[in-house]
C-alpha atoms as a PDB file:
ATOM      1  CA  TYR A   1     158.277 134.913 124.131  1.00  0.00           C
ATOM      2  CA  ARG A   2     154.319 135.047 122.713  1.00  0.00           C
ATOM      3  CA  VAL A   3     152.588 137.616 121.159  1.00  0.00           C
ATOM      4  CA  ARG A   4     148.684 136.379 121.572  1.00  0.00           C
ATOM      5  CA  TYR A   5     145.996 138.549 119.361  1.00  0.00           C
ATOM      6  CA  ALA A   6     142.760 138.789 120.930  1.00  0.00           C
ATOM      7  CA  LEU A   7     140.034 137.056 117.725  1.00  0.00           C
ATOM      8  CA  PRO A   8     136.907 139.674 117.292  1.00  0.00           C
ATOM      9  CA  LYS A   9     134.066 138.342 119.233  1.00  0.00           C
ATOM     10  CA  ALA A  10     132.191 137.654 116.238  1.00  0.00           C
ATOM     11  CA  LYS A  11     134.383 135.123 114.576  1.00  0.00           C
ATOM     12  CA  PRO A  12     134.440 136.167 110.559  1.00  0.00           C
ATOM     13  CA  LYS A  13     134.016 133.423 108.945  1.00  0.00           C
ATOM     14  CA  VAL A  14     136.131 131.623 106.772  1.00  0.00           C
ATOM     15  CA  THR A  15     136.401 129.701 103.861  1.00  0.00           C
ATOM     16  CA  LEU A  16     139.380 127.159 103.363  1.00  0.00           C
ATOM     17  CA  ILE A  17     139.131 126.664  99.410  1.00  0.00           C
ATOM     18  CA  MET A  18     140.522 122.943  98.381  1.00  0.00           C
ATOM     19  CA  LEU A  19     141.687 121.758  95.332  1.00  0.00           C
ATOM     20  CA  THR A  20     142.017 117.861  94.332  1.00  0.00           C
ATOM     21  CA  ARG A  21     141.867 115.782  91.332  1.00  0.00           C
ATOM     22  CA  ASN A  22     141.164 112.017  92.291  1.00  0.00           C
ATOM     23  CA  GLY A  23     144.134 110.768  95.575  1.00  0.00           C
ATOM     24  CA  LEU A  24     141.490 109.446  97.979  1.00  0.00           C
ATOM     25  CA  PRO A  25     143.833 108.557 100.812  1.00  0.00           C
ATOM     26  CA  LEU A  26     145.188 111.686 101.404  1.00  0.00           C
ATOM     27  CA  LEU A  27     142.279 113.521 100.520  1.00  0.00           C
ATOM     28  CA  GLN A  28     140.316 111.894 102.978  1.00  0.00           C
ATOM     29  CA  LYS A  29     143.163 112.454 105.649  1.00  0.00           C
ATOM     30  CA  CYS A  30     142.792 116.123 104.916  1.00  0.00           C
ATOM     31  CA  VAL A  31     139.725 116.703 105.744  1.00  0.00           C
ATOM     32  CA  LYS A  32     139.073 114.367 108.232  1.00  0.00           C
ATOM     33  CA  SER A  33     142.220 116.295 110.464  1.00  0.00           C
ATOM     34  CA  ILE A  34     140.444 119.897 109.753  1.00  0.00           C
ATOM     35  CA  LEU A  35     136.318 118.744 110.559  1.00  0.00           C
ATOM     36  CA  MET A  36     137.675 116.416 113.732  1.00  0.00           C
ATOM     37  CA  LYS A  37     141.183 118.640 115.430  1.00  0.00           C
ATOM     38  CA  THR A  38     139.526 122.489 114.256  1.00  0.00           C
ATOM     39  CA  ASN A  39     138.367 124.720 117.367  1.00  0.00           C
ATOM     40  CA  TYR A  40     137.359 127.505 115.390  1.00  0.00           C
ATOM     41  CA  PRO A  41     134.423 127.947 114.762  1.00  0.00           C
ATOM     42  CA  ALA A  42     133.249 129.585 111.965  1.00  0.00           C
ATOM     43  CA  TYR A  43     134.913 128.840 108.871  1.00  0.00           C
ATOM     44  CA  GLU A  44     133.595 126.753 105.307  1.00  0.00           C
ATOM     45  CA  ILE A  45     135.768 123.841 103.581  1.00  0.00           C
ATOM     46  CA  LEU A  46     134.911 124.651  99.917  1.00  0.00           C
ATOM     47  CA  ILE A  47     136.538 121.813  98.043  1.00  0.00           C
ATOM     48  CA  VAL A  48     137.267 122.441  93.837  1.00  0.00           C
ATOM     49  CA  ASP A  49     136.574 118.693  91.563  1.00  0.00           C
ATOM     50  CA  ASN A  50     139.004 119.020  89.356  1.00  0.00           C
ATOM     51  CA  ALA A  51     137.729 116.713  87.103  1.00  0.00           C
ATOM     52  CA  SER A  52     138.415 113.848  89.500  1.00  0.00           C
ATOM     53  CA  ASP A  53     137.158 110.275  87.133  1.00  0.00           C
ATOM     54  CA  ASP A  54     138.260 108.033  90.717  1.00  0.00           C
ATOM     55  CA  LEU A  55     134.904 106.039  91.783  1.00  0.00           C
ATOM     56  CA  ALA A  56     136.260 105.517  94.847  1.00  0.00           C
ATOM     57  CA  THR A  57     136.777 109.532  94.561  1.00  0.00           C
ATOM     58  CA  LEU A  58     133.287 110.698  93.615  1.00  0.00           C
ATOM     59  CA  GLN A  59     131.639 108.632  95.717  1.00  0.00           C
ATOM     60  CA  TYR A  60     133.543 110.336  99.392  1.00  0.00           C
ATOM     61  CA  LEU A  61     132.987 113.697  97.572  1.00  0.00           C
ATOM     62  CA  LYS A  62     128.705 113.098  97.735  1.00  0.00           C
ATOM     63  CA  SER A  63     129.237 111.979 100.958  1.00  0.00           C
ATOM     64  CA  LEU A  64     130.857 114.999 101.773  1.00  0.00           C
ATOM     65  CA  SER A  65     127.666 116.785 101.404  1.00  0.00           C
ATOM     66  CA  SER A  66     126.095 115.273 104.961  1.00  0.00           C
ATOM     67  CA  GLU A  67     128.754 117.807 106.194  1.00  0.00           C
ATOM     68  CA  SER A  68     126.980 121.657 106.821  1.00  0.00           C
ATOM     69  CA  ASN A  69     130.297 123.097 106.657  1.00  0.00           C
ATOM     70  CA  VAL A  70     131.480 121.481 103.334  1.00  0.00           C
ATOM     71  CA  ARG A  71     130.697 122.129  99.951  1.00  0.00           C
ATOM     72  CA  ILE A  72     132.048 120.680  96.466  1.00  0.00           C
ATOM     73  CA  ILE A  73     132.327 122.143  93.275  1.00  0.00           C
ATOM     74  CA  ARG A  74     133.584 121.229  90.151  1.00  0.00           C
ATOM     75  CA  ASP A  75     135.991 123.031  87.472  1.00  0.00           C
ATOM     76  CA  GLU A  76     137.010 120.740  85.117  1.00  0.00           C
ATOM     77  CA  ARG A  77     139.024 122.927  83.016  1.00  0.00           C
ATOM     78  CA  PRO A  78     143.246 122.195  82.866  1.00  0.00           C
ATOM     79  CA  PHE A  79     144.866 122.865  85.473  1.00  0.00           C
ATOM     80  CA  ASN A  80     146.078 126.084  86.827  1.00  0.00           C
ATOM     81  CA  PHE A  81     146.213 126.944  89.814  1.00  0.00           C
ATOM     82  CA  SER A  82     145.718 130.283  90.251  1.00  0.00           C
ATOM     83  CA  ALA A  83     142.947 130.219  88.025  1.00  0.00           C
ATOM     84  CA  LEU A  84     141.006 127.526  90.125  1.00  0.00           C
ATOM     85  CA  ASN A  85     141.801 129.340  92.824  1.00  0.00           C
ATOM     86  CA  ASN A  86     140.616 132.626  91.480  1.00  0.00           C
ATOM     87  CA  SER A  87     137.290 131.481  89.855  1.00  0.00           C
ATOM     88  CA  ALA A  88     136.985 129.391  93.901  1.00  0.00           C
ATOM     89  CA  VAL A  89     137.103 132.670  95.727  1.00  0.00           C
ATOM     90  CA  LYS A  90     134.267 133.746  93.856  1.00  0.00           C
ATOM     91  CA  ASN A  91     131.912 130.641  95.335  1.00  0.00           C
ATOM     92  CA  ALA A  92     133.082 131.860  99.605  1.00  0.00           C
ATOM     93  CA  ARG A  93     130.946 132.626 101.783  1.00  0.00           C
ATOM     94  CA  GLY A  94     133.926 133.911 104.034  1.00  0.00           C
ATOM     95  CA  GLU A  95     134.827 137.188 105.204  1.00  0.00           C
ATOM     96  CA  VAL A  96     139.093 135.468 105.167  1.00  0.00           C
ATOM     97  CA  ILE A  97     140.099 133.250 102.171  1.00  0.00           C
ATOM     98  CA  GLY A  98     142.799 130.081 103.441  1.00  0.00           C
ATOM     99  CA  PHE A  99     144.551 128.597 100.602  1.00  0.00           C
ATOM    100  CA  ILE A 100     144.774 124.579 101.310  1.00  0.00           C
ATOM    101  CA  ASN A 101     146.327 121.611  99.948  1.00  0.00           C
ATOM    102  CA  ASN A 102     144.781 118.672 100.071  1.00  0.00           C
ATOM    103  CA  ASP A 103     147.476 116.414 101.232  1.00  0.00           C
ATOM    104  CA  VAL A 104     147.836 118.397 104.408  1.00  0.00           C
ATOM    105  CA  GLU A 105     146.398 116.888 108.555  1.00  0.00           C
ATOM    106  CA  VAL A 106     146.032 119.035 111.012  1.00  0.00           C
ATOM    107  CA  ILE A 107     148.780 118.812 113.806  1.00  0.00           C
ATOM    108  CA  SER A 108     147.170 121.668 115.635  1.00  0.00           C
ATOM    109  CA  GLU A 109     143.941 122.062 116.912  1.00  0.00           C
ATOM    110  CA  ASP A 110     144.213 125.985 117.447  1.00  0.00           C
ATOM    111  CA  TRP A 111     145.652 126.452 113.814  1.00  0.00           C
ATOM    112  CA  LEU A 112     143.216 127.756 112.175  1.00  0.00           C
ATOM    113  CA  SER A 113     142.295 129.815 115.964  1.00  0.00           C
ATOM    114  CA  GLU A 114     145.381 131.360 115.444  1.00  0.00           C
ATOM    115  CA  MET A 115     145.864 131.835 111.944  1.00  0.00           C
ATOM    116  CA  VAL A 116     142.532 134.410 111.916  1.00  0.00           C
ATOM    117  CA  SER A 117     143.990 136.376 114.812  1.00  0.00           C
ATOM    118  CA  HIS A 118     147.011 137.802 112.575  1.00  0.00           C
ATOM    119  CA  ALA A 119     144.975 137.944 109.336  1.00  0.00           C
ATOM    120  CA  VAL A 120     142.582 139.538 110.775  1.00  0.00           C
ATOM    121  CA  ARG A 121     144.738 142.641 112.277  1.00  0.00           C
ATOM    122  CA  PRO A 122     144.132 145.150 109.760  1.00  0.00           C
ATOM    123  CA  GLU A 123     148.099 145.861 109.042  1.00  0.00           C
ATOM    124  CA  VAL A 124     148.283 142.572 108.152  1.00  0.00           C
ATOM    125  CA  GLY A 125     148.317 140.852 104.649  1.00  0.00           C
ATOM    126  CA  ALA A 126     148.770 136.780 103.961  1.00  0.00           C
ATOM    127  CA  VAL A 127     149.670 134.327 106.717  1.00  0.00           C
ATOM    128  CA  GLY A 128     151.639 131.024 106.696  1.00  0.00           C
ATOM    129  CA  ALA A 129     151.285 128.332 108.599  1.00  0.00           C
ATOM    130  CA  ARG A 130     154.434 126.050 110.184  1.00  0.00           C
ATOM    131  CA  LEU A 131     154.145 122.627 107.809  1.00  0.00           C
ATOM    132  CA  TRP A 132     156.304 119.277 108.596  1.00  0.00           C
ATOM    133  CA  TYR A 133     157.292 116.347 106.617  1.00  0.00           C
ATOM    134  CA  PRO A 134     155.503 113.105 107.645  1.00  0.00           C
ATOM    135  CA  ASN A 135     158.986 112.648 109.564  1.00  0.00           C
ATOM    136  CA  ASP A 136     159.112 115.887 111.451  1.00  0.00           C
ATOM    137  CA  THR A 137     161.514 117.227 109.392  1.00  0.00           C
ATOM    138  CA  LEU A 138     160.685 121.180 108.584  1.00  0.00           C
ATOM    139  CA  GLN A 139     158.907 121.751 105.189  1.00  0.00           C
ATOM    140  CA  HIS A 140     158.323 125.471 105.902  1.00  0.00           C
ATOM    141  CA  GLY A 141     158.758 127.957 107.464  1.00  0.00           C
ATOM    142  CA  GLY A 142     158.568 130.546 104.995  1.00  0.00           C
ATOM    143  CA  VAL A 143     159.913 131.560 102.204  1.00  0.00           C
ATOM    144  CA  ILE A 144     163.376 133.037 101.086  1.00  0.00           C
ATOM    145  CA  LEU A 145     163.262 135.327  98.358  1.00  0.00           C
ATOM    146  CA  GLY A 146     166.151 133.832  95.520  1.00  0.00           C
ATOM    147  CA  LEU A 147     167.159 131.108  97.266  1.00  0.00           C
ATOM    148  CA  GLY A 148     167.867 128.403  94.620  1.00  0.00           C
ATOM    149  CA  GLY A 149     166.781 130.694  91.865  1.00  0.00           C
ATOM    150  CA  VAL A 150     164.062 132.316  92.551  1.00  0.00           C
ATOM    151  CA  ALA A 151     162.304 130.674  95.911  1.00  0.00           C
ATOM    152  CA  SER A 152     162.211 128.788  98.350  1.00  0.00           C
ATOM    153  CA  HIS A 153     161.753 127.353 102.183  1.00  0.00           C
ATOM    154  CA  ALA A 154     163.415 128.514 104.840  1.00  0.00           C
ATOM    155  CA  HIS A 155     165.280 125.672 107.547  1.00  0.00           C
ATOM    156  CA  ARG A 156     163.516 123.343 104.783  1.00  0.00           C
ATOM    157  CA  HIS A 157     164.692 119.817 106.887  1.00  0.00           C
ATOM    158  CA  LEU A 158     165.048 121.338 110.121  1.00  0.00           C
ATOM    159  CA  PRO A 159     164.401 118.011 112.731  1.00  0.00           C
ATOM    160  CA  ARG A 160     161.512 119.558 114.883  1.00  0.00           C
ATOM    161  CA  HIS A 161     163.578 120.079 118.443  1.00  0.00           C
ATOM    162  CA  GLN A 162     165.584 122.326 116.778  1.00  0.00           C
ATOM    163  CA  ARG A 163     165.359 126.249 117.303  1.00  0.00           C
ATOM    164  CA  GLY A 164     166.786 127.341 113.838  1.00  0.00           C
ATOM    165  CA  TYR A 165     169.230 130.587 113.376  1.00  0.00           C
ATOM    166  CA  PHE A 166     167.952 132.876 116.044  1.00  0.00           C
ATOM    167  CA  GLY A 167     165.276 131.287 116.977  1.00  0.00           C
ATOM    168  CA  ARG A 168     163.636 132.508 113.779  1.00  0.00           C
ATOM    169  CA  ALA A 169     162.099 128.765 113.461  1.00  0.00           C
ATOM    170  CA  SER A 170     160.221 129.237 116.121  1.00  0.00           C
ATOM    171  CA  LEU A 171     159.195 133.091 115.931  1.00  0.00           C
ATOM    172  CA  ILE A 172     156.310 134.952 114.786  1.00  0.00           C
ATOM    173  CA  GLN A 173     156.981 137.007 112.033  1.00  0.00           C
ATOM    174  CA  SER A 174     156.954 138.646 109.019  1.00  0.00           C
ATOM    175  CA  PHE A 175     158.422 137.496 105.417  1.00  0.00           C
ATOM    176  CA  SER A 176     158.544 138.276 102.181  1.00  0.00           C
ATOM    177  CA  ALA A 177     156.189 135.124 101.445  1.00  0.00           C
ATOM    178  CA  VAL A 178     154.343 131.920 102.554  1.00  0.00           C
ATOM    179  CA  THR A 179     153.024 129.257 101.011  1.00  0.00           C
ATOM    180  CA  ALA A 180     149.931 128.253  99.968  1.00  0.00           C
ATOM    181  CA  ALA A 181     149.677 125.074 100.586  1.00  0.00           C
ATOM    182  CA  CYS A 182     148.512 126.569 103.658  1.00  0.00           C
ATOM    183  CA  LEU A 183     147.883 130.348 103.999  1.00  0.00           C
ATOM    184  CA  LEU A 184     144.884 132.720 105.291  1.00  0.00           C
ATOM    185  CA  VAL A 185     144.099 136.791 103.892  1.00  0.00           C
ATOM    186  CA  ARG A 186     141.590 138.889 104.519  1.00  0.00           C
ATOM    187  CA  LYS A 187     139.172 139.005 100.916  1.00  0.00           C
ATOM    188  CA  GLU A 188     139.576 142.437 100.764  1.00  0.00           C
ATOM    189  CA  VAL A 189     143.356 142.073 100.971  1.00  0.00           C
ATOM    190  CA  TYR A 190     143.114 139.761  98.302  1.00  0.00           C
ATOM    191  CA  GLU A 191     140.495 141.366  96.103  1.00  0.00           C
ATOM    192  CA  GLU A 192     142.780 144.668  95.936  1.00  0.00           C
ATOM    193  CA  VAL A 193     145.531 143.035  94.989  1.00  0.00           C
ATOM    194  CA  GLY A 194     143.010 141.328  91.773  1.00  0.00           C
ATOM    195  CA  GLY A 195     144.245 137.290  93.329  1.00  0.00           C
ATOM    196  CA  PHE A 196     146.834 135.277  91.861  1.00  0.00           C
ATOM    197  CA  ASP A 197     148.308 135.779  88.542  1.00  0.00           C
ATOM    198  CA  GLU A 198     147.026 133.396  85.722  1.00  0.00           C
ATOM    199  CA  GLN A 199     150.297 133.687  83.700  1.00  0.00           C
ATOM    200  CA  LEU A 200     151.275 131.335  86.886  1.00  0.00           C
ATOM    201  CA  ALA A 201     149.933 127.939  86.679  1.00  0.00           C
ATOM    202  CA  VAL A 202     152.403 126.193  88.799  1.00  0.00           C
ATOM    203  CA  ALA A 203     154.766 128.026  89.726  1.00  0.00           C
ATOM    204  CA  PHE A 204     154.838 130.304  92.419  1.00  0.00           C
ATOM    205  CA  ASN A 205     152.105 131.741  92.029  1.00  0.00           C
ATOM    206  CA  ASP A 206     151.697 132.066  96.055  1.00  0.00           C
ATOM    207  CA  VAL A 207     155.461 133.822  95.954  1.00  0.00           C
ATOM    208  CA  ASP A 208     153.711 136.395  93.321  1.00  0.00           C
ATOM    209  CA  PHE A 209     150.796 136.656  95.409  1.00  0.00           C
ATOM    210  CA  CYS A 210     152.676 137.822  98.592  1.00  0.00           C
ATOM    211  CA  LEU A 211     155.138 139.664  97.483  1.00  0.00           C
ATOM    212  CA  ARG A 212     152.394 142.242  95.479  1.00  0.00           C
ATOM    213  CA  VAL A 213     150.607 142.028  99.065  1.00  0.00           C
ATOM    214  CA  HIS A 214     153.862 143.155 100.595  1.00  0.00           C
ATOM    215  CA  GLU A 215     153.690 146.131  97.557  1.00  0.00           C
ATOM    216  CA  ALA A 216     150.369 146.728  98.940  1.00  0.00           C
ATOM    217  CA  GLY A 217     151.028 148.007 101.919  1.00  0.00           C
ATOM    218  CA  TYR A 218     150.839 144.301 104.096  1.00  0.00           C
ATOM    219  CA  PRO A 219     153.422 142.522 105.847  1.00  0.00           C
ATOM    220  CA  ASN A 220     152.857 138.556 105.189  1.00  0.00           C
ATOM    221  CA  VAL A 221     153.340 137.037 108.723  1.00  0.00           C
ATOM    222  CA  TRP A 222     154.433 132.879 109.209  1.00  0.00           C
ATOM    223  CA  THR A 223     153.057 131.695 113.034  1.00  0.00           C
ATOM    224  CA  PRO A 224     155.274 128.450 114.067  1.00  0.00           C
ATOM    225  CA  TYR A 225     152.251 127.994 116.153  1.00  0.00           C
ATOM    226  CA  ALA A 226     149.772 126.921 113.729  1.00  0.00           C
ATOM    227  CA  GLU A 227     151.341 123.842 112.443  1.00  0.00           C
ATOM    228  CA  LEU A 228     149.937 121.202 109.974  1.00  0.00           C
ATOM    229  CA  TYR A 229     151.948 118.319 108.140  1.00  0.00           C
ATOM    230  CA  HIS A 230     152.702 118.220 104.215  1.00  0.00           C
ATOM    231  CA  HIS A 231     152.701 115.342 102.125  1.00  0.00           C
ATOM    232  CA  GLU A 232     154.544 117.906  99.337  1.00  0.00           C
ATOM    233  CA  SER A 233     153.552 117.496  95.827  1.00  0.00           C
ATOM    234  CA  ALA A 234     152.002 113.690  96.529  1.00  0.00           C
ATOM    235  CA  THR A 235     149.191 114.458  94.292  1.00  0.00           C
ATOM    236  CA  ARG A 236     150.248 116.862  91.538  1.00  0.00           C
ATOM    237  CA  GLY A 237     153.802 115.003  91.882  1.00  0.00           C
ATOM    238  CA  TYR A 238     157.318 116.976  91.389  1.00  0.00           C
ATOM    239  CA  ASP A 239     158.108 118.474  88.576  1.00  0.00           C
ATOM    240  CA  ASP A 240     160.382 115.174  87.045  1.00  0.00           C
ATOM    241  CA  THR A 241     158.832 115.166  83.259  1.00  0.00           C
ATOM    242  CA  SER A 242     160.075 117.243  80.484  1.00  0.00           C
ATOM    243  CA  GLU A 243     156.792 118.672  80.549  1.00  0.00           C
ATOM    244  CA  LYS A 244     156.252 119.903  84.201  1.00  0.00           C
ATOM    245  CA  TRP A 245     160.234 121.062  84.106  1.00  0.00           C
ATOM    246  CA  ALA A 246     158.835 123.421  80.563  1.00  0.00           C
ATOM    247  CA  ILE A 247     156.225 125.046  83.002  1.00  0.00           C
ATOM    248  CA  PHE A 248     158.314 125.621  85.862  1.00  0.00           C
ATOM    249  CA  LYS A 249     161.194 127.074  84.103  1.00  0.00           C
ATOM    250  CA  LYS A 250     159.195 129.115  81.906  1.00  0.00           C
ATOM    251  CA  GLU A 251     157.388 130.236  85.005  1.00  0.00           C
ATOM    252  CA  ALA A 252     160.395 130.480  87.262  1.00  0.00           C
ATOM    253  CA  GLN A 253     161.766 133.923  84.130  1.00  0.00           C
ATOM    254  CA  TYR A 254     158.647 134.712  84.512  1.00  0.00           C
ATOM    255  CA  MET A 255     159.357 135.308  88.708  1.00  0.00           C
ATOM    256  CA  LYS A 256     162.999 136.807  87.393  1.00  0.00           C
ATOM    257  CA  LYS A 257     162.105 139.052  84.656  1.00  0.00           C
ATOM    258  CA  ARG A 258     159.322 140.625  86.625  1.00  0.00           C
ATOM    259  CA  TRP A 259     160.597 140.688  90.710  1.00  0.00           C
ATOM    260  CA  ARG A 260     164.344 140.507  89.967  1.00  0.00           C
ATOM    261  CA  ASN A 261     165.635 143.414  92.354  1.00  0.00           C
ATOM    262  CA  LEU A 262     163.596 141.872  95.484  1.00  0.00           C
ATOM    263  CA  LEU A 263     164.774 138.304  94.115  1.00  0.00           C
ATOM    264  CA  LEU A 264     168.633 139.530  94.914  1.00  0.00           C
ATOM    265  CA  ASN A 265     167.566 141.790  98.071  1.00  0.00           C
ATOM    266  CA  ASP A 266     165.310 139.458 100.144  1.00  0.00           C
ATOM    267  CA  PRO A 267     164.084 142.391 103.173  1.00  0.00           C
ATOM    268  CA  ALA A 268     163.588 139.540 105.147  1.00  0.00           C
ATOM    269  CA  TYR A 269     167.243 137.459 105.012  1.00  0.00           C
ATOM    270  CA  SER A 270     170.185 139.138 105.763  1.00  0.00           C
ATOM    271  CA  PRO A 271     172.734 140.125 102.724  1.00  0.00           C
ATOM    272  CA  ASN A 272     175.693 138.096 104.609  1.00  0.00           C
ATOM    273  CA  LEU A 273     173.707 134.645 103.754  1.00  0.00           C
ATOM    274  CA  THR A 274     173.615 132.479 101.330  1.00  0.00           C
ATOM    275  CA  LEU A 275     171.436 131.950  98.513  1.00  0.00           C
ATOM    276  CA  ASP A 276     172.325 127.952  97.774  1.00  0.00           C
ATOM    277  CA  TYR A 277     170.369 126.555 100.689  1.00  0.00           C
ATOM    278  CA  GLU A 278     167.876 126.336 103.346  1.00  0.00           C
ATOM    279  CA  ASP A 279     170.568 126.590 106.377  1.00  0.00           C
ATOM    280  CA  PHE A 280     170.981 130.059 106.632  1.00  0.00           C
ATOM    281  CA  SER A 281     174.409 130.038 106.781  1.00  0.00           C
ATOM    282  CA  LEU A 282     176.563 132.781 105.348  1.00  0.00           C
ATOM    283  CA  ALA A 283     177.181 133.309 101.691  1.00  0.00           C
ATOM    284  CA  TRP A 284     180.940 131.832 100.172  1.00  0.00           C
ATOM    285  CA  PRO A 285     181.837 133.657  98.734  1.00  0.00           C
ATOM    286  CA  PRO A 286     180.274 136.926  99.785  1.00  0.00           C
ATOM    287  CA  ARG A 287     177.365 139.081  98.518  1.00  0.00           C
ATOM    288  CA  ILE A 288     178.062 142.169  99.458  1.00  0.00           C
ATOM    289  CA  GLU A 289     181.236 144.436  99.790  1.00  0.00           C
ATOM    290  CA  LEU A 290     181.852 145.822 102.121  1.00  0.00           C
ATOM    291  CA  PHE A 291     183.923 148.484 100.862  1.00  0.00           C
END
């Protein structure tokens, strides 16, 4: 069964904030898919150009000025996901803020309508989408705390035709966190928790944000009915250099210090299940003691 929440008669405006630097083919595909496949009427795309220097990319960004619902701002500071997004929110005109990667591609036309229908519920915090790898295996089905050390994606690499553990890859539900590769939140909630923590420049900034949203009393919701493809880390690259790995480790330690108890006890995940794999298999040895 699926519960559908009605949208308000006066559709709230959504600002979709997208960070980008060069990477023209993916950026074009992303923007085109949003403009061509989004049936929600009240949105704008706010592209933050983080010092692109590729001529073709710059020309494309200039061409987007003809689109009435696309704006470009340039921010040349060193890459810091949290700082760039926090700054962009100040330029947002929407009542609802969307954070969306420049390497996603819309699948379902009602993706934004579905996410907004949850984001405007006064009791809800952040809202996440179901993201697929291009090979149609699951990339994001919600975030499990403690998985792999700090946090990782539920049901990652699950084939599209499978429903997951007790159907959880196919059901609207609360998770402790969702990914900011595609995340919606009311601007008032974003401001209430203080936005993203700029100490987390690259990793886990979305998890930390969601945990503070949850701490403020708003459950975070993941819906499988908003579907997009995600070419994960295609533009920034993976953490495969010594410098990137050092940043990742530093930010992982920051998260463990701040959220240690939650990382060991995710309320949206059974303590009988493993923190070593994303497949909801049983923990062995057990993580809890019966007596």
